[in-house]
Amino acid sequence: MAKSSRSLWTQKIVEGQVKVKSASGNAWTFETLKTKAGLTAGERAKSEKTERSARGRQMRGVVMGVDPSLRGTGISVIESLADGSLKYIESTTVKNPPSLSMAQCLARILEEIEGMIERTHPKCVAMEQSVYVQNFRTALILGSSRGAAIAACARAGLEVFEYPPLRIKQAVIGYGRASKIQVVKSVASLVSGAGQLPEDEADASGAAITHIFTHKI
């Protein structure tokens, strides 16, 4: 008999292929899921072995996350440690006041990212992908901000990986329609030493976390 979609997803979660958190922000641990699924001792041991294997494939090293915006670009650097945990390195928000021209804002974004790269030496960069916008001017501004950020990374010889906002929220929280405050709280719980970061920096952290969790080696 064919398995239902619910059964297939339950199996994936139990086997460690998918990490899930509730929309309320409270984690559903693997142990809780195994207990609810009624696994035997042998099945639990096999599941734990699969989890360890999956964690072993998670990338290691320093990753920079960027959330581009003309007036408030978030930058965050996170390190993935050998034991699979995440460590906060540094973050900032490039705040450009209205008094600055667009060209001046783009120059500051490029300079701040280059400075962060020089201080932290990331292996690569993860960036929030542009979403569809109806307003042409808004699209132009967002595109220009992204271009400045990508140019800074390219000058340093770093590869840039892009992730849609929905995927970032799914990776960090397990819920694609989560609010910004939920992202802030989830980043604080996942990354040692981060605390509750400003929203733009938390979004940048989310991009870095997404890359660490999903870019396997």
N, C-alpha and C. Protein backbone atom coordinates (compact mmCIF):
# COMPACT_ATOMS: atom_id res chain seq x y z
N MET A 1 0.85 -1.20 0.00
CA MET A 1 0.00 0.00 0.00
C MET A 1 0.89 1.25 0.00
N ALA A 2 0.56 2.23 -0.85
CA ALA A 2 1.35 3.46 -0.92
C ALA A 2 1.22 4.25 0.37
N LYS A 3 2.33 4.83 0.80
CA LYS A 3 2.32 5.62 2.01
C LYS A 3 1.73 7.00 1.73
N SER A 4 1.05 7.57 2.72
CA SER A 4 0.52 8.92 2.58
C SER A 4 1.65 9.93 2.68
N SER A 5 1.38 11.17 2.25
CA SER A 5 2.38 12.23 2.35
C SER A 5 2.78 12.46 3.80
N ARG A 6 1.79 12.41 4.71
CA ARG A 6 2.08 12.60 6.14
C ARG A 6 3.05 11.53 6.63
N SER A 7 2.84 10.28 6.21
CA SER A 7 3.70 9.19 6.66
C SER A 7 5.12 9.34 6.13
N LEU A 8 5.23 9.77 4.85
CA LEU A 8 6.54 9.96 4.25
C LEU A 8 7.33 11.05 4.95
N TRP A 9 6.64 12.16 5.26
CA TRP A 9 7.33 13.26 5.94
C TRP A 9 7.71 12.86 7.37
N THR A 10 6.86 12.12 8.04
CA THR A 10 7.18 11.64 9.39
C THR A 10 8.44 10.78 9.35
N GLN A 11 8.52 9.91 8.32
CA GLN A 11 9.68 9.05 8.19
C GLN A 11 10.95 9.86 7.97
N LYS A 12 10.87 10.87 7.11
CA LYS A 12 12.03 11.72 6.83
C LYS A 12 12.49 12.46 8.08
N ILE A 13 11.52 12.97 8.84
CA ILE A 13 11.86 13.70 10.07
C ILE A 13 12.54 12.77 11.06
N VAL A 14 11.97 11.59 11.24
CA VAL A 14 12.51 10.63 12.21
C VAL A 14 13.90 10.18 11.81
N GLU A 15 14.16 10.02 10.50
CA GLU A 15 15.45 9.56 10.03
C GLU A 15 16.49 10.67 10.01
N GLY A 16 16.09 11.88 10.40
CA GLY A 16 17.05 12.97 10.48
C GLY A 16 17.24 13.72 9.19
N GLN A 17 16.41 13.46 8.15
CA GLN A 17 16.56 14.14 6.88
C GLN A 17 15.95 15.53 6.91
N VAL A 18 15.05 15.77 7.83
CA VAL A 18 14.41 17.08 7.93
C VAL A 18 14.38 17.48 9.40
N LYS A 19 14.82 18.72 9.69
CA LYS A 19 14.72 19.26 11.03
C LYS A 19 13.53 20.18 11.08
N VAL A 20 12.68 20.01 12.07
CA VAL A 20 11.42 20.74 12.11
C VAL A 20 11.30 21.52 13.40
N LYS A 21 10.72 22.73 13.27
CA LYS A 21 10.36 23.50 14.46
C LYS A 21 8.92 23.94 14.30
N SER A 22 8.25 24.08 15.40
CA SER A 22 6.86 24.50 15.35
C SER A 22 6.76 25.97 15.01
N ALA A 23 5.60 26.41 14.50
CA ALA A 23 5.39 27.81 14.14
C ALA A 23 5.49 28.72 15.34
N SER A 24 5.27 28.20 16.52
CA SER A 24 5.35 29.01 17.74
C SER A 24 6.78 29.28 18.17
N GLY A 25 7.74 28.58 17.50
CA GLY A 25 9.14 28.82 17.82
C GLY A 25 9.72 27.78 18.77
N ASN A 26 8.88 26.87 19.32
CA ASN A 26 9.38 25.83 20.21
C ASN A 26 9.83 24.63 19.38
N ALA A 27 11.04 24.16 19.61
CA ALA A 27 11.59 23.09 18.79
C ALA A 27 10.90 21.77 19.08
N TRP A 28 10.67 21.00 18.04
CA TRP A 28 10.24 19.61 18.19
C TRP A 28 11.51 18.80 18.09
N THR A 29 11.98 18.24 19.17
CA THR A 29 13.25 17.53 19.15
C THR A 29 13.09 16.19 18.46
N PHE A 30 14.23 15.65 17.98
CA PHE A 30 14.21 14.35 17.35
C PHE A 30 13.71 13.29 18.33
N GLU A 31 14.11 13.40 19.61
CA GLU A 31 13.71 12.40 20.60
C GLU A 31 12.21 12.39 20.78
N THR A 32 11.59 13.60 20.79
CA THR A 32 10.14 13.68 20.92
C THR A 32 9.46 13.02 19.74
N LEU A 33 9.97 13.30 18.53
CA LEU A 33 9.38 12.72 17.33
C LEU A 33 9.52 11.19 17.34
N LYS A 34 10.66 10.70 17.77
CA LYS A 34 10.86 9.26 17.81
C LYS A 34 9.89 8.59 18.79
N THR A 35 9.72 9.24 19.94
CA THR A 35 8.81 8.70 20.95
C THR A 35 7.39 8.65 20.42
N LYS A 36 6.96 9.75 19.79
CA LYS A 36 5.60 9.80 19.25
C LYS A 36 5.42 8.79 18.13
N ALA A 37 6.49 8.55 17.37
CA ALA A 37 6.38 7.61 16.26
C ALA A 37 6.38 6.16 16.75
N GLY A 38 6.71 5.95 18.03
CA GLY A 38 6.69 4.60 18.60
C GLY A 38 7.80 3.71 18.09
N LEU A 39 9.01 4.26 17.93
CA LEU A 39 10.12 3.47 17.42
C LEU A 39 10.64 2.50 18.47
N THR A 40 11.13 1.37 17.98
CA THR A 40 11.77 0.41 18.87
C THR A 40 13.18 0.90 19.17
N ALA A 41 13.86 0.23 20.12
CA ALA A 41 15.22 0.61 20.48
C ALA A 41 16.15 0.49 19.28
N GLY A 42 15.99 -0.57 18.49
CA GLY A 42 16.82 -0.76 17.30
C GLY A 42 16.58 0.33 16.26
N GLU A 43 15.32 0.69 16.08
CA GLU A 43 14.99 1.73 15.11
C GLU A 43 15.52 3.08 15.56
N ARG A 44 15.47 3.35 16.87
CA ARG A 44 16.01 4.61 17.39
C ARG A 44 17.52 4.68 17.18
N ALA A 45 18.22 3.56 17.40
CA ALA A 45 19.66 3.52 17.22
C ALA A 45 20.03 3.80 15.76
N LYS A 46 19.26 3.22 14.83
CA LYS A 46 19.50 3.45 13.41
C LYS A 46 19.25 4.91 13.07
N SER A 47 18.19 5.48 13.66
CA SER A 47 17.87 6.89 13.40
C SER A 47 18.98 7.80 13.90
N GLU A 48 19.51 7.50 15.11
CA GLU A 48 20.57 8.33 15.68
C GLU A 48 21.84 8.24 14.84
N LYS A 49 22.12 7.07 14.27
CA LYS A 49 23.28 6.90 13.41
C LYS A 49 23.12 7.75 12.15
N THR A 50 21.91 7.79 11.61
CA THR A 50 21.63 8.61 10.43
C THR A 50 21.81 10.08 10.74
N GLU A 51 21.34 10.51 11.93
CA GLU A 51 21.49 11.91 12.34
C GLU A 51 22.95 12.30 12.44
N ARG A 52 23.77 11.43 13.07
CA ARG A 52 25.20 11.71 13.22
C ARG A 52 25.87 11.83 11.86
N SER A 53 25.46 10.94 10.95
CA SER A 53 26.03 10.97 9.60
C SER A 53 25.67 12.26 8.88
N ALA A 54 24.42 12.71 9.04
CA ALA A 54 23.97 13.94 8.40
C ALA A 54 24.72 15.14 8.95
N ARG A 55 24.91 15.17 10.29
CA ARG A 55 25.64 16.28 10.90
C ARG A 55 27.09 16.30 10.42
N GLY A 56 27.65 15.11 10.16
CA GLY A 56 29.03 15.03 9.71
C GLY A 56 29.22 15.64 8.33
N ARG A 57 28.17 15.71 7.54
CA ARG A 57 28.29 16.27 6.20
C ARG A 57 28.06 17.77 6.18
N GLN A 58 27.67 18.34 7.31
CA GLN A 58 27.44 19.78 7.36
C GLN A 58 28.77 20.51 7.17
N MET A 59 28.76 21.57 6.40
CA MET A 59 30.00 22.29 6.13
C MET A 59 30.57 22.90 7.40
N ARG A 60 31.86 23.11 7.42
CA ARG A 60 32.55 23.72 8.55
C ARG A 60 33.23 24.99 8.08
N GLY A 61 33.43 25.93 8.98
CA GLY A 61 34.14 27.14 8.64
C GLY A 61 33.29 28.38 8.81
N VAL A 62 33.85 29.51 8.39
CA VAL A 62 33.22 30.82 8.57
C VAL A 62 32.43 31.21 7.32
N VAL A 63 31.20 31.63 7.54
CA VAL A 63 30.31 32.05 6.45
C VAL A 63 29.77 33.45 6.74
N MET A 64 29.80 34.31 5.74
CA MET A 64 29.21 35.64 5.89
C MET A 64 27.81 35.65 5.27
N GLY A 65 26.86 36.22 5.99
CA GLY A 65 25.51 36.38 5.47
C GLY A 65 25.24 37.86 5.19
N VAL A 66 24.52 38.15 4.11
CA VAL A 66 24.22 39.54 3.75
C VAL A 66 22.74 39.66 3.41
N ASP A 67 22.11 40.69 3.99
CA ASP A 67 20.71 41.03 3.67
C ASP A 67 20.74 42.43 3.05
N PRO A 68 20.81 42.53 1.71
CA PRO A 68 21.04 43.82 1.05
C PRO A 68 19.84 44.76 1.12
N SER A 69 20.14 46.03 1.37
CA SER A 69 19.14 47.09 1.36
C SER A 69 19.88 48.41 1.28
N LEU A 70 19.35 49.38 0.54
CA LEU A 70 20.05 50.64 0.34
C LEU A 70 20.28 51.39 1.65
N ARG A 71 19.26 51.40 2.52
CA ARG A 71 19.37 52.18 3.76
C ARG A 71 19.71 51.36 4.99
N GLY A 72 19.66 50.03 4.88
CA GLY A 72 19.95 49.20 6.06
C GLY A 72 20.39 47.80 5.68
N THR A 73 21.59 47.67 5.14
CA THR A 73 22.11 46.35 4.77
C THR A 73 22.63 45.62 6.00
N GLY A 74 22.12 44.43 6.23
CA GLY A 74 22.57 43.61 7.36
C GLY A 74 23.72 42.72 6.94
N ILE A 75 24.75 42.64 7.77
CA ILE A 75 25.90 41.77 7.52
C ILE A 75 26.15 40.97 8.79
N SER A 76 26.38 39.68 8.64
CA SER A 76 26.64 38.83 9.81
C SER A 76 27.61 37.73 9.44
N VAL A 77 28.51 37.42 10.36
CA VAL A 77 29.49 36.36 10.13
C VAL A 77 29.33 35.30 11.20
N ILE A 78 29.16 34.04 10.77
CA ILE A 78 28.92 32.91 11.67
C ILE A 78 29.90 31.80 11.33
N GLU A 79 30.37 31.11 12.36
CA GLU A 79 31.28 29.99 12.14
C GLU A 79 30.59 28.68 12.50
N SER A 80 30.71 27.71 11.60
CA SER A 80 30.20 26.36 11.84
C SER A 80 31.36 25.54 12.40
N LEU A 81 31.21 25.10 13.65
CA LEU A 81 32.30 24.40 14.35
C LEU A 81 32.30 22.90 14.05
N ALA A 82 33.38 22.24 14.47
CA ALA A 82 33.55 20.81 14.18
C ALA A 82 32.45 19.95 14.77
N ASP A 83 31.88 20.38 15.90
CA ASP A 83 30.82 19.57 16.54
C ASP A 83 29.43 19.88 15.97
N GLY A 84 29.38 20.73 14.95
CA GLY A 84 28.09 21.05 14.33
C GLY A 84 27.40 22.26 14.91
N SER A 85 27.95 22.83 15.98
CA SER A 85 27.34 24.01 16.59
C SER A 85 27.73 25.27 15.82
N LEU A 86 27.01 26.36 16.08
CA LEU A 86 27.23 27.63 15.39
C LEU A 86 27.73 28.68 16.37
N LYS A 87 28.72 29.45 15.95
CA LYS A 87 29.33 30.47 16.80
C LYS A 87 29.24 31.84 16.13
N TYR A 88 28.79 32.82 16.89
CA TYR A 88 28.69 34.20 16.40
C TYR A 88 30.08 34.84 16.35
N ILE A 89 30.40 35.47 15.22
CA ILE A 89 31.69 36.14 15.07
C ILE A 89 31.53 37.66 15.11
N GLU A 90 30.73 38.21 14.22
CA GLU A 90 30.56 39.66 14.14
C GLU A 90 29.36 39.98 13.26
N SER A 91 28.73 41.12 13.51
CA SER A 91 27.64 41.57 12.65
C SER A 91 27.51 43.08 12.72
N THR A 92 26.87 43.65 11.72
CA THR A 92 26.63 45.09 11.70
C THR A 92 25.51 45.40 10.72
N THR A 93 24.94 46.58 10.87
CA THR A 93 23.95 47.08 9.91
C THR A 93 24.50 48.36 9.29
N VAL A 94 24.58 48.36 7.96
CA VAL A 94 25.07 49.55 7.25
C VAL A 94 23.89 50.52 7.13
N LYS A 95 23.83 51.47 8.05
CA LYS A 95 22.72 52.43 8.06
C LYS A 95 23.09 53.67 7.27
N ASN A 96 22.40 53.87 6.15
CA ASN A 96 22.64 55.02 5.29
C ASN A 96 21.51 56.03 5.45
N PRO A 97 21.79 57.20 6.00
CA PRO A 97 20.74 58.21 6.20
C PRO A 97 20.24 58.79 4.87
N PRO A 98 19.03 59.37 4.86
CA PRO A 98 18.46 59.95 3.64
C PRO A 98 19.32 61.05 3.03
N SER A 99 20.19 61.65 3.83
CA SER A 99 21.04 62.73 3.32
C SER A 99 22.07 62.24 2.31
N LEU A 100 22.37 60.93 2.31
CA LEU A 100 23.34 60.38 1.37
C LEU A 100 22.67 60.05 0.04
N SER A 101 23.39 60.29 -1.03
CA SER A 101 22.88 59.94 -2.35
C SER A 101 22.94 58.43 -2.54
N MET A 102 22.31 57.95 -3.58
CA MET A 102 22.31 56.52 -3.86
C MET A 102 23.73 56.03 -4.09
N ALA A 103 24.52 56.80 -4.83
CA ALA A 103 25.90 56.41 -5.10
C ALA A 103 26.71 56.31 -3.82
N GLN A 104 26.51 57.26 -2.90
CA GLN A 104 27.22 57.24 -1.62
C GLN A 104 26.82 56.03 -0.77
N CYS A 105 25.54 55.70 -0.81
CA CYS A 105 25.05 54.53 -0.06
C CYS A 105 25.69 53.25 -0.59
N LEU A 106 25.74 53.11 -1.90
CA LEU A 106 26.33 51.91 -2.50
C LEU A 106 27.81 51.80 -2.16
N ALA A 107 28.51 52.95 -2.15
CA ALA A 107 29.93 52.94 -1.79
C ALA A 107 30.12 52.48 -0.36
N ARG A 108 29.26 52.91 0.54
CA ARG A 108 29.37 52.52 1.96
C ARG A 108 29.09 51.03 2.13
N ILE A 109 28.11 50.51 1.40
CA ILE A 109 27.80 49.08 1.48
C ILE A 109 29.03 48.26 1.05
N LEU A 110 29.62 48.65 -0.06
CA LEU A 110 30.80 47.95 -0.57
C LEU A 110 31.95 48.02 0.43
N GLU A 111 32.20 49.21 0.97
CA GLU A 111 33.31 49.39 1.92
C GLU A 111 33.11 48.59 3.20
N GLU A 112 31.89 48.59 3.73
CA GLU A 112 31.62 47.88 4.99
C GLU A 112 31.77 46.37 4.81
N ILE A 113 31.30 45.85 3.69
CA ILE A 113 31.42 44.42 3.44
C ILE A 113 32.88 44.04 3.23
N GLU A 114 33.63 44.87 2.50
CA GLU A 114 35.05 44.59 2.31
C GLU A 114 35.79 44.60 3.65
N GLY A 115 35.44 45.54 4.52
CA GLY A 115 36.07 45.60 5.83
C GLY A 115 35.77 44.37 6.67
N MET A 116 34.52 43.91 6.62
CA MET A 116 34.14 42.71 7.37
C MET A 116 34.87 41.48 6.83
N ILE A 117 35.02 41.40 5.53
CA ILE A 117 35.74 40.27 4.93
C ILE A 117 37.19 40.26 5.38
N GLU A 118 37.83 41.43 5.40
CA GLU A 118 39.23 41.53 5.82
C GLU A 118 39.42 41.12 7.28
N ARG A 119 38.43 41.41 8.11
CA ARG A 119 38.55 41.09 9.55
C ARG A 119 38.25 39.63 9.87
N THR A 120 37.29 39.05 9.15
CA THR A 120 36.78 37.73 9.55
C THR A 120 37.18 36.58 8.63
N HIS A 121 37.62 36.87 7.42
CA HIS A 121 38.08 35.86 6.46
C HIS A 121 37.07 34.72 6.22
N PRO A 122 35.88 35.03 5.76
CA PRO A 122 34.90 33.97 5.49
C PRO A 122 35.29 33.10 4.30
N LYS A 123 34.77 31.87 4.29
CA LYS A 123 35.03 30.96 3.17
C LYS A 123 34.14 31.29 1.98
N CYS A 124 32.94 31.81 2.26
CA CYS A 124 32.00 32.13 1.21
C CYS A 124 30.94 33.08 1.77
N VAL A 125 30.02 33.49 0.92
CA VAL A 125 28.98 34.44 1.31
C VAL A 125 27.61 33.91 0.91
N ALA A 126 26.65 34.04 1.82
CA ALA A 126 25.26 33.67 1.55
C ALA A 126 24.42 34.94 1.58
N MET A 127 23.55 35.08 0.60
CA MET A 127 22.79 36.33 0.46
C MET A 127 21.31 36.03 0.23
N GLU A 128 20.47 36.89 0.81
CA GLU A 128 19.04 36.76 0.58
C GLU A 128 18.71 37.16 -0.85
N GLN A 129 18.01 36.30 -1.54
CA GLN A 129 17.66 36.53 -2.94
C GLN A 129 16.57 37.58 -3.07
N SER A 130 16.60 38.32 -4.16
CA SER A 130 15.58 39.34 -4.39
C SER A 130 14.21 38.70 -4.59
N VAL A 131 13.20 39.33 -4.02
CA VAL A 131 11.83 38.88 -4.24
C VAL A 131 11.19 39.75 -5.31
N TYR A 132 10.11 39.27 -5.89
CA TYR A 132 9.43 40.02 -6.95
C TYR A 132 8.79 41.28 -6.36
N VAL A 133 9.07 42.41 -7.00
CA VAL A 133 8.46 43.67 -6.59
C VAL A 133 7.82 44.33 -7.81
N GLN A 134 6.67 44.94 -7.61
CA GLN A 134 5.94 45.56 -8.72
C GLN A 134 6.49 46.94 -9.06
N ASN A 135 7.04 47.64 -8.05
CA ASN A 135 7.52 48.99 -8.26
C ASN A 135 8.90 48.98 -8.91
N PHE A 136 9.03 49.60 -10.07
CA PHE A 136 10.29 49.58 -10.82
C PHE A 136 11.42 50.25 -10.04
N ARG A 137 11.12 51.38 -9.41
CA ARG A 137 12.16 52.10 -8.67
C ARG A 137 12.67 51.28 -7.50
N THR A 138 11.75 50.59 -6.80
CA THR A 138 12.15 49.74 -5.68
C THR A 138 13.05 48.61 -6.17
N ALA A 139 12.67 48.02 -7.31
CA ALA A 139 13.47 46.94 -7.88
C ALA A 139 14.87 47.44 -8.26
N LEU A 140 14.94 48.65 -8.79
CA LEU A 140 16.23 49.22 -9.18
C LEU A 140 17.12 49.45 -7.96
N ILE A 141 16.53 49.98 -6.89
CA ILE A 141 17.29 50.26 -5.67
C ILE A 141 17.80 48.96 -5.04
N LEU A 142 16.91 47.96 -4.95
CA LEU A 142 17.31 46.68 -4.38
C LEU A 142 18.40 46.02 -5.22
N GLY A 143 18.23 46.09 -6.54
CA GLY A 143 19.22 45.49 -7.43
C GLY A 143 20.58 46.16 -7.31
N SER A 144 20.57 47.48 -7.16
CA SER A 144 21.82 48.21 -7.01
C SER A 144 22.52 47.85 -5.70
N SER A 145 21.74 47.72 -4.63
CA SER A 145 22.30 47.35 -3.32
C SER A 145 22.92 45.96 -3.38
N ARG A 146 22.23 45.05 -4.02
CA ARG A 146 22.75 43.69 -4.18
C ARG A 146 24.02 43.72 -5.01
N GLY A 147 24.02 44.54 -6.06
CA GLY A 147 25.19 44.63 -6.92
C GLY A 147 26.42 45.10 -6.16
N ALA A 148 26.24 46.10 -5.28
CA ALA A 148 27.36 46.60 -4.49
C ALA A 148 27.89 45.52 -3.56
N ALA A 149 26.96 44.76 -2.94
CA ALA A 149 27.37 43.69 -2.01
C ALA A 149 28.09 42.57 -2.76
N ILE A 150 27.56 42.18 -3.91
CA ILE A 150 28.18 41.10 -4.69
C ILE A 150 29.54 41.54 -5.21
N ALA A 151 29.65 42.81 -5.62
CA ALA A 151 30.93 43.32 -6.12
C ALA A 151 32.01 43.25 -5.04
N ALA A 152 31.63 43.60 -3.81
CA ALA A 152 32.59 43.55 -2.70
C ALA A 152 33.08 42.12 -2.49
N CYS A 153 32.16 41.16 -2.55
CA CYS A 153 32.53 39.75 -2.37
C CYS A 153 33.39 39.25 -3.53
N ALA A 154 33.03 39.67 -4.76
CA ALA A 154 33.78 39.24 -5.94
C ALA A 154 35.20 39.78 -5.90
N ARG A 155 35.38 41.02 -5.43
CA ARG A 155 36.71 41.62 -5.32
C ARG A 155 37.60 40.83 -4.38
N ALA A 156 36.97 40.17 -3.39
CA ALA A 156 37.72 39.37 -2.42
C ALA A 156 37.87 37.92 -2.88
N GLY A 157 37.31 37.61 -4.04
CA GLY A 157 37.41 36.26 -4.58
C GLY A 157 36.51 35.25 -3.91
N LEU A 158 35.41 35.73 -3.29
CA LEU A 158 34.50 34.84 -2.58
C LEU A 158 33.31 34.45 -3.44
N GLU A 159 32.90 33.20 -3.33
CA GLU A 159 31.72 32.72 -4.04
C GLU A 159 30.47 33.16 -3.27
N VAL A 160 29.45 33.58 -4.01
CA VAL A 160 28.21 34.06 -3.40
C VAL A 160 27.08 33.06 -3.70
N PHE A 161 26.38 32.63 -2.65
CA PHE A 161 25.24 31.71 -2.79
C PHE A 161 23.97 32.48 -2.41
N GLU A 162 22.92 32.33 -3.21
CA GLU A 162 21.69 33.08 -2.98
C GLU A 162 20.55 32.15 -2.58
N TYR A 163 19.76 32.61 -1.59
CA TYR A 163 18.64 31.81 -1.09
C TYR A 163 17.38 32.67 -0.98
N PRO A 164 16.24 32.16 -1.44
CA PRO A 164 14.98 32.92 -1.32
C PRO A 164 14.60 33.11 0.15
N PRO A 165 13.93 34.22 0.48
CA PRO A 165 13.51 34.47 1.87
C PRO A 165 12.71 33.32 2.47
N LEU A 166 11.85 32.70 1.67
CA LEU A 166 11.03 31.59 2.16
C LEU A 166 11.90 30.42 2.61
N ARG A 167 12.93 30.13 1.84
CA ARG A 167 13.80 29.01 2.17
C ARG A 167 14.62 29.32 3.43
N ILE A 168 15.03 30.58 3.58
CA ILE A 168 15.80 30.96 4.77
C ILE A 168 14.97 30.76 6.03
N LYS A 169 13.71 31.19 6.00
CA LYS A 169 12.85 31.01 7.16
C LYS A 169 12.58 29.54 7.45
N GLN A 170 12.46 28.75 6.39
CA GLN A 170 12.25 27.31 6.58
C GLN A 170 13.47 26.67 7.22
N ALA A 171 14.66 27.11 6.82
CA ALA A 171 15.89 26.52 7.37
C ALA A 171 16.12 26.94 8.81
N VAL A 172 15.81 28.20 9.13
CA VAL A 172 16.09 28.73 10.45
C VAL A 172 15.00 28.39 11.45
N ILE A 173 13.75 28.37 10.99
CA ILE A 173 12.61 28.17 11.89
C ILE A 173 11.82 26.91 11.56
N GLY A 174 11.75 26.56 10.29
CA GLY A 174 10.92 25.44 9.86
C GLY A 174 9.56 25.90 9.40
N TYR A 175 9.39 27.22 9.26
CA TYR A 175 8.09 27.79 8.89
C TYR A 175 8.36 28.99 7.97
N GLY A 176 7.97 28.87 6.69
CA GLY A 176 8.30 29.87 5.68
C GLY A 176 7.63 31.21 5.82
N ARG A 177 6.56 31.29 6.64
CA ARG A 177 5.84 32.55 6.79
C ARG A 177 6.07 33.16 8.17
N ALA A 178 7.19 32.83 8.77
CA ALA A 178 7.49 33.33 10.12
C ALA A 178 7.70 34.84 10.10
N SER A 179 7.49 35.47 11.25
CA SER A 179 7.68 36.91 11.37
C SER A 179 9.16 37.23 11.61
N LYS A 180 9.52 38.50 11.50
CA LYS A 180 10.90 38.91 11.72
C LYS A 180 11.34 38.65 13.16
N ILE A 181 10.45 38.88 14.10
CA ILE A 181 10.82 38.66 15.50
C ILE A 181 11.07 37.18 15.77
N GLN A 182 10.36 36.29 15.07
CA GLN A 182 10.61 34.86 15.21
C GLN A 182 11.99 34.51 14.66
N VAL A 183 12.38 35.17 13.57
CA VAL A 183 13.72 34.94 13.02
C VAL A 183 14.78 35.39 14.02
N VAL A 184 14.57 36.57 14.61
CA VAL A 184 15.51 37.10 15.61
C VAL A 184 15.69 36.11 16.76
N LYS A 185 14.59 35.60 17.29
CA LYS A 185 14.65 34.68 18.43
C LYS A 185 15.27 33.34 18.05
N SER A 186 14.98 32.87 16.85
CA SER A 186 15.53 31.59 16.41
C SER A 186 17.03 31.68 16.21
N VAL A 187 17.49 32.78 15.62
CA VAL A 187 18.94 32.99 15.44
C VAL A 187 19.63 33.01 16.81
N ALA A 188 19.01 33.68 17.77
CA ALA A 188 19.59 33.76 19.12
C ALA A 188 19.72 32.38 19.75
N SER A 189 18.77 31.50 19.47
CA SER A 189 18.80 30.16 20.06
C SER A 189 19.75 29.22 19.32
N LEU A 190 19.97 29.48 18.03
CA LEU A 190 20.81 28.59 17.23
C LEU A 190 22.29 28.95 17.29
N VAL A 191 22.59 30.23 17.40
CA VAL A 191 23.97 30.71 17.29
C VAL A 191 24.50 31.15 18.65
N SER A 192 25.52 30.46 19.12
CA SER A 192 26.11 30.77 20.42
C SER A 192 26.76 32.16 20.40
N GLY A 193 26.36 33.00 21.37
CA GLY A 193 26.94 34.32 21.50
C GLY A 193 26.27 35.41 20.70
N ALA A 194 25.25 35.05 19.91
CA ALA A 194 24.61 36.05 19.05
C ALA A 194 23.65 36.95 19.82
N GLY A 195 22.88 36.38 20.72
CA GLY A 195 21.85 37.16 21.40
C GLY A 195 20.78 37.58 20.41
N GLN A 196 19.93 38.50 20.80
CA GLN A 196 18.88 38.98 19.90
C GLN A 196 19.41 40.14 19.07
N LEU A 197 19.77 39.85 17.84
CA LEU A 197 20.35 40.83 16.94
C LEU A 197 19.29 41.75 16.35
N PRO A 198 19.68 42.93 15.86
CA PRO A 198 18.75 43.77 15.09
C PRO A 198 18.21 42.98 13.90
N GLU A 199 17.03 43.31 13.43
CA GLU A 199 16.35 42.51 12.42
C GLU A 199 17.18 42.30 11.15
N ASP A 200 17.83 43.35 10.64
CA ASP A 200 18.61 43.21 9.41
C ASP A 200 19.79 42.25 9.61
N GLU A 201 20.41 42.31 10.78
CA GLU A 201 21.52 41.41 11.08
C GLU A 201 21.03 39.98 11.31
N ALA A 202 19.85 39.85 11.89
CA ALA A 202 19.27 38.51 12.08
C ALA A 202 18.93 37.89 10.73
N ASP A 203 18.42 38.71 9.80
CA ASP A 203 18.11 38.20 8.46
C ASP A 203 19.39 37.76 7.75
N ALA A 204 20.46 38.55 7.91
CA ALA A 204 21.74 38.17 7.31
C ALA A 204 22.26 36.88 7.94
N SER A 205 22.10 36.75 9.26
CA SER A 205 22.49 35.53 9.95
C SER A 205 21.71 34.34 9.41
N GLY A 206 20.42 34.57 9.14
CA GLY A 206 19.58 33.50 8.60
C GLY A 206 20.10 32.99 7.27
N ALA A 207 20.59 33.90 6.42
CA ALA A 207 21.15 33.48 5.13
C ALA A 207 22.38 32.62 5.35
N ALA A 208 23.25 33.03 6.28
CA ALA A 208 24.46 32.25 6.58
C ALA A 208 24.10 30.88 7.15
N ILE A 209 23.14 30.85 8.06
CA ILE A 209 22.71 29.58 8.66
C ILE A 209 22.13 28.65 7.61
N THR A 210 21.34 29.20 6.70
CA THR A 210 20.75 28.39 5.63
C THR A 210 21.83 27.72 4.80
N HIS A 211 22.87 28.47 4.48
CA HIS A 211 23.96 27.89 3.70
C HIS A 211 24.67 26.79 4.49
N ILE A 212 24.92 27.06 5.76
CA ILE A 212 25.60 26.06 6.60
C ILE A 212 24.79 24.78 6.71
N PHE A 213 23.48 24.92 6.89
CA PHE A 213 22.62 23.75 7.07
C PHE A 213 22.37 22.98 5.78
N THR A 214 22.34 23.66 4.63
CA THR A 214 21.90 23.01 3.39
C THR A 214 23.01 22.75 2.39
N HIS A 215 24.15 23.43 2.52
CA HIS A 215 25.26 23.22 1.60
C HIS A 215 26.16 22.13 2.16
N LYS A 216 25.92 20.90 1.76
CA LYS A 216 26.65 19.77 2.32
C LYS A 216 27.97 19.56 1.60
N ILE A 217 28.95 18.98 2.30
CA ILE A 217 30.26 18.70 1.73
C ILE A 217 30.57 17.22 1.84
